[in-house]
Amino acid sequence: MQPDVMSLLLEAGMLLLVGMSVVFLFLTLLIGAVNLIAWACAKFPEEELSVLNQPRNRATPAANQSGISAPVVAAITAAVDQYRRQR
């Protein structure tokens, strides 16, 4: 019975070492790749997109961003306010 347990422990130890080595290798490669990308981004900075530099079109004062006109928003606000006062 002893040799069987001993061989199982050796196999488990080998599996442990192989697994930890694979994880260590993967993390090392991941850190290297991240550092390489950071170096490349610092060395060759991307120019800003012209879309970001252009001013945004402003919505008309009569409508908000969702396209609902100001009088409708005011009516909904008044209705909600009246409902909350009654409750």
Protein backbone atom coordinates (compact mmCIF):
# COMPACT_ATOMS: atom_id res chain seq x y z
CA MET A 1 0.00 0.00 0.00
CA GLN A 2 2.90 2.37 0.69
CA PRO A 3 4.33 2.39 -2.87
CA ASP A 4 0.90 3.24 -4.26
CA VAL A 5 0.53 6.27 -1.98
CA MET A 6 4.08 7.34 -2.69
CA SER A 7 3.59 7.21 -6.46
CA LEU A 8 0.36 9.19 -6.14
CA LEU A 9 2.13 11.86 -4.08
CA LEU A 10 4.94 12.10 -6.65
CA GLU A 11 2.44 12.42 -9.47
CA ALA A 12 0.53 15.11 -7.55
CA GLY A 13 3.78 16.98 -6.88
CA MET A 14 4.75 16.87 -10.54
CA LEU A 15 1.30 18.08 -11.54
CA LEU A 16 1.59 20.89 -9.01
CA LEU A 17 4.97 21.98 -10.36
CA VAL A 18 3.85 21.82 -13.98
CA GLY A 19 0.67 23.76 -13.24
CA MET A 20 2.45 26.46 -11.27
CA SER A 21 5.11 26.74 -13.97
CA VAL A 22 2.48 27.19 -16.67
CA VAL A 23 0.71 29.88 -14.66
CA PHE A 24 4.01 31.66 -13.94
CA LEU A 25 4.97 31.54 -17.62
CA PHE A 26 1.56 32.86 -18.70
CA LEU A 27 1.65 35.74 -16.22
CA THR A 28 5.21 36.61 -17.23
CA LEU A 29 4.20 36.72 -20.90
CA LEU A 30 1.13 38.79 -20.04
CA ILE A 31 3.18 41.35 -18.12
CA GLY A 32 5.70 41.47 -20.96
CA ALA A 33 2.95 42.03 -23.52
CA VAL A 34 1.37 44.82 -21.46
CA ASN A 35 4.74 46.52 -21.03
CA LEU A 36 5.45 46.17 -24.76
CA ILE A 37 2.10 47.74 -25.65
CA ALA A 38 2.70 50.56 -23.14
CA TRP A 39 6.13 51.18 -24.65
CA ALA A 40 4.71 51.21 -28.19
CA CYS A 41 1.94 53.62 -27.18
CA ALA A 42 4.45 55.96 -25.57
CA LYS A 43 6.87 55.78 -28.50
CA PHE A 44 4.24 56.19 -31.23
CA PRO A 45 1.40 58.29 -29.79
CA GLU A 46 -1.77 58.29 -31.84
CA GLU A 47 -2.96 61.64 -33.10
CA GLU A 48 -6.23 62.88 -31.71
CA LEU A 49 -9.22 62.20 -33.87
CA SER A 50 -10.63 65.22 -35.64
CA VAL A 51 -14.13 64.17 -34.55
CA LEU A 52 -13.19 64.85 -30.94
CA ASN A 53 -11.97 68.35 -31.76
CA GLN A 54 -15.16 69.40 -33.52
CA PRO A 55 -17.81 71.13 -31.42
CA ARG A 56 -20.95 69.13 -30.76
CA ASN A 57 -24.21 70.19 -32.30
CA ARG A 58 -26.37 71.63 -29.57
CA ALA A 59 -30.04 70.74 -29.42
CA THR A 60 -32.55 73.51 -29.85
CA PRO A 61 -33.82 75.01 -26.61
CA ALA A 62 -37.33 73.73 -27.37
CA ALA A 63 -36.21 70.06 -27.26
CA ASN A 64 -33.91 68.17 -24.94
CA GLN A 65 -31.58 65.30 -25.90
CA SER A 66 -34.39 62.74 -26.10
CA GLY A 67 -36.33 64.86 -28.58
CA ILE A 68 -39.19 65.73 -26.22
CA SER A 69 -40.21 69.37 -26.41
CA ALA A 70 -39.94 71.65 -23.39
CA PRO A 71 -43.73 72.16 -22.92
CA VAL A 72 -44.27 68.39 -22.77
CA VAL A 73 -41.50 68.03 -20.19
CA ALA A 74 -43.04 70.85 -18.15
CA ALA A 75 -46.48 69.20 -18.29
CA ILE A 76 -45.09 65.84 -17.18
CA THR A 77 -43.14 67.50 -14.37
CA ALA A 78 -46.25 69.33 -13.17
CA ALA A 79 -48.31 66.12 -13.28
CA VAL A 80 -45.73 64.19 -11.28
CA ASP A 81 -45.47 67.03 -8.76
CA GLN A 82 -49.24 67.15 -8.36
CA TYR A 83 -49.40 63.35 -7.95
CA ARG A 84 -46.72 63.40 -5.24
CA ARG A 85 -48.48 66.17 -3.32
CA GLN A 86 -51.73 64.17 -3.27
CA ARG A 87 -50.07 61.07 -1.84
